[in-house]
Amino acid sequence: MTPLVLHPDCAPGSIHSIEAAIEPTPDGCRATFVARGDVGSIAVPPIAEPGRFDDLWKTTCFEIFWSHDGISYREFNLSPSTRWACYDFDAFREGMRDAPAEVDVAVAVSATELRLTADIRSDLPLPATVALNAIIEDADGVNRFWALAFRPGAPEFHAGECRALELDA
């Protein structure tokens, strides 16, 4: 598991650490995110009918950005509700469209830990640069942003600087 860092402009909240791991599989990848802290004090979307759903990033959500060429990329939004989304982009925030994928999300919640595991079936070429991110909505209604790395300025998960993990073929 690799630790994510809280964006420097975000005040500490109820979650004090997040770790993530991702591994390629023959038909896509498997990702795991573990948020630790006072889980009872964050917004955890209730379990819902699994499937593709937009705007998951507006509350507690985990994300993966996968780029094979350093320009175009595929974004996955993974909600503790078990809903998910998948989009392709031609370049930084350009050409957004639904991308082909099938995703199974499993969630375990305790007072001190929120664990999400996603089995993703999608064309994910290697080698790749990957971002692992989290948005945590705290009890105060403020979203806090976590990532492997950030570029200077406001949190921007689409930025290439966030794709700090290299996966080889």
Protein backbone atom coordinates (compact mmCIF):
# COMPACT_ATOMS: atom_id res chain seq x y z
CA MET A 1 0.00 0.00 0.00
CA THR A 2 1.20 3.49 -0.87
CA PRO A 3 0.29 6.48 1.31
CA LEU A 4 -1.68 9.36 -0.20
CA VAL A 5 -1.02 12.92 0.98
CA LEU A 6 -3.57 15.53 1.97
CA HIS A 7 -3.50 18.59 -0.29
CA PRO A 8 -1.49 21.33 1.51
CA ASP A 9 -4.40 23.80 1.30
CA CYS A 10 -6.75 21.39 3.10
CA ALA A 11 -7.08 21.56 6.87
CA PRO A 12 -6.82 18.18 8.60
CA GLY A 13 -10.15 16.45 9.00
CA SER A 14 -11.61 13.29 10.46
CA ILE A 15 -9.47 11.01 8.27
CA HIS A 16 -5.80 11.03 9.25
CA SER A 17 -4.37 8.66 6.62
CA ILE A 18 -5.23 7.02 3.31
CA GLU A 19 -3.31 4.24 1.60
CA ALA A 20 -3.91 2.79 -1.83
CA ALA A 21 -2.69 -0.05 -3.99
CA ILE A 22 -3.27 -1.03 -7.60
CA GLU A 23 -2.19 -4.04 -9.59
CA PRO A 24 -2.75 -4.88 -13.23
CA THR A 25 -4.82 -7.98 -13.94
CA PRO A 26 -5.26 -9.86 -17.23
CA ASP A 27 -8.51 -7.97 -17.92
CA GLY A 28 -7.83 -4.60 -16.23
CA CYS A 29 -6.78 -3.93 -12.65
CA ARG A 30 -7.62 -4.32 -8.98
CA ALA A 31 -7.41 -1.28 -6.71
CA THR A 32 -7.74 -0.98 -2.95
CA PHE A 33 -8.13 2.21 -0.92
CA VAL A 34 -8.06 2.35 2.89
CA ALA A 35 -9.02 5.53 4.75
CA ARG A 36 -8.34 5.57 8.51
CA GLY A 37 -9.63 7.90 11.18
CA ASP A 38 -13.03 8.84 12.57
CA VAL A 39 -15.08 7.28 9.77
CA GLY A 40 -18.32 8.11 11.60
CA SER A 41 -17.58 11.79 11.01
CA ILE A 42 -17.37 11.63 7.22
CA ALA A 43 -20.03 11.32 4.54
CA VAL A 44 -20.11 7.70 3.42
CA PRO A 45 -22.68 7.27 0.66
CA PRO A 46 -25.07 4.43 1.50
CA ILE A 47 -24.88 1.22 -0.52
CA ALA A 48 -26.93 1.64 -3.70
CA GLU A 49 -27.71 -0.34 -6.81
CA PRO A 50 -24.28 -0.97 -8.39
CA GLY A 51 -23.61 0.53 -11.79
CA ARG A 52 -22.39 3.51 -13.75
CA PHE A 53 -23.36 6.85 -12.23
CA ASP A 54 -22.14 10.45 -12.75
CA ASP A 55 -21.07 13.10 -10.20
CA LEU A 56 -19.73 10.64 -7.64
CA TRP A 57 -16.80 12.99 -6.92
CA LYS A 58 -19.12 15.48 -5.17
CA THR A 59 -18.81 13.50 -1.93
CA THR A 60 -16.56 10.77 -0.54
CA CYS A 61 -15.11 8.95 -3.54
CA PHE A 62 -11.90 7.27 -4.68
CA GLU A 63 -10.37 7.80 -8.11
CA ILE A 64 -7.89 6.31 -10.53
CA PHE A 65 -6.39 8.12 -13.52
CA TRP A 66 -4.58 5.81 -15.99
CA SER A 67 -2.43 7.08 -18.88
CA HIS A 68 -0.53 4.96 -21.36
CA ASP A 69 0.88 7.81 -23.45
CA GLY A 70 1.18 10.67 -20.93
CA ILE A 71 -1.47 12.73 -22.76
CA SER A 72 -4.75 10.84 -23.03
CA TYR A 73 -6.10 9.12 -19.93
CA ARG A 74 -8.93 7.09 -18.45
CA GLU A 75 -10.59 8.20 -15.20
CA PHE A 76 -12.41 5.92 -12.77
CA ASN A 77 -14.64 7.25 -9.97
CA LEU A 78 -15.34 4.65 -7.28
CA SER A 79 -17.96 5.34 -4.63
CA PRO A 80 -18.48 3.57 -1.31
CA SER A 81 -22.10 3.31 -2.51
CA THR A 82 -20.74 0.64 -4.97
CA ARG A 83 -21.53 2.96 -7.89
CA TRP A 84 -18.79 3.86 -10.33
CA ALA A 85 -17.99 5.91 -13.41
CA CYS A 86 -15.40 5.65 -16.17
CA TYR A 87 -14.42 8.36 -18.65
CA ASP A 88 -11.84 8.78 -21.39
CA PHE A 89 -10.08 12.09 -22.07
CA ASP A 90 -8.02 12.98 -25.15
CA ALA A 91 -5.87 15.44 -23.17
CA PHE A 92 -6.10 17.55 -20.00
CA ARG A 93 -9.88 17.86 -19.41
CA GLU A 94 -10.52 17.60 -23.18
CA GLY A 95 -12.74 15.17 -25.09
CA MET A 96 -14.51 13.65 -22.08
CA ARG A 97 -16.74 10.70 -22.90
CA ASP A 98 -17.95 7.50 -21.26
CA ALA A 99 -15.35 4.75 -21.52
CA PRO A 100 -16.00 1.02 -21.76
CA ALA A 101 -15.60 -0.72 -18.41
CA GLU A 102 -17.20 -3.08 -15.97
CA VAL A 103 -16.48 -2.49 -12.29
CA ASP A 104 -17.27 -4.44 -9.13
CA VAL A 105 -16.91 -2.39 -5.95
CA ALA A 106 -16.70 -3.99 -2.48
CA VAL A 107 -16.82 -1.84 0.66
CA ALA A 108 -16.12 -2.51 4.33
CA VAL A 109 -16.82 0.20 6.91
CA SER A 110 -15.92 0.30 10.60
CA ALA A 111 -15.66 3.13 13.12
CA THR A 112 -12.00 3.65 12.20
CA GLU A 113 -11.60 2.34 8.64
CA LEU A 114 -13.24 2.69 5.24
CA ARG A 115 -11.93 0.07 2.79
CA LEU A 116 -12.92 0.04 -0.89
CA THR A 117 -11.76 -2.60 -3.36
CA ALA A 118 -12.54 -2.33 -7.06
CA ASP A 119 -12.13 -5.05 -9.65
CA ILE A 120 -12.02 -3.23 -12.97
CA ARG A 121 -12.43 -4.86 -16.35
CA SER A 122 -11.28 -2.40 -18.98
CA ASP A 123 -8.57 -1.97 -21.60
CA LEU A 124 -5.67 -0.55 -19.56
CA PRO A 125 -2.43 -0.74 -21.59
CA LEU A 126 0.97 -0.96 -19.95
CA PRO A 127 3.33 0.65 -19.27
CA ALA A 128 1.27 3.37 -17.63
CA THR A 129 1.41 6.29 -15.26
CA VAL A 130 -1.33 6.16 -12.67
CA ALA A 131 -2.90 8.50 -10.13
CA LEU A 132 -4.62 7.21 -7.01
CA ASN A 133 -6.81 9.85 -5.37
CA ALA A 134 -9.45 10.31 -2.71
CA ILE A 135 -12.08 12.90 -1.97
CA ILE A 136 -13.33 12.78 1.61
CA GLU A 137 -16.37 14.83 2.59
CA ASP A 138 -16.03 15.64 6.26
CA ALA A 139 -18.75 16.35 8.81
CA ASP A 140 -18.26 20.08 8.21
CA GLY A 141 -19.39 19.54 4.58
CA VAL A 142 -15.92 20.35 3.23
CA ASN A 143 -14.23 18.02 0.76
CA ARG A 144 -10.63 17.17 1.52
CA PHE A 145 -8.40 16.02 -1.34
CA TRP A 146 -5.81 13.25 -1.13
CA ALA A 147 -3.41 12.05 -3.86
CA LEU A 148 -0.03 10.46 -4.50
CA ALA A 149 1.23 13.93 -5.47
CA PHE A 150 -0.14 17.37 -6.37
CA ARG A 151 1.06 20.15 -8.61
CA PRO A 152 1.27 23.61 -6.98
CA GLY A 153 -2.04 25.44 -6.64
CA ALA A 154 -5.58 24.22 -6.19
CA PRO A 155 -6.22 20.46 -6.12
CA GLU A 156 -6.40 19.18 -9.71
CA PHE A 157 -6.59 15.40 -10.06
CA HIS A 158 -6.52 15.61 -13.89
CA ALA A 159 -3.00 17.08 -13.79
CA GLY A 160 -0.20 14.84 -14.97
CA GLU A 161 1.70 15.48 -11.73
CA CYS A 162 -0.89 13.38 -9.87
CA ARG A 163 -0.04 10.35 -12.01
CA ALA A 164 3.03 9.61 -9.89
CA LEU A 165 2.88 5.82 -9.94
CA GLU A 166 4.54 3.95 -12.81
CA LEU A 167 3.30 0.51 -13.76
CA ASP A 168 5.38 -1.63 -16.11
CA ALA A 169 4.29 -4.23 -18.63
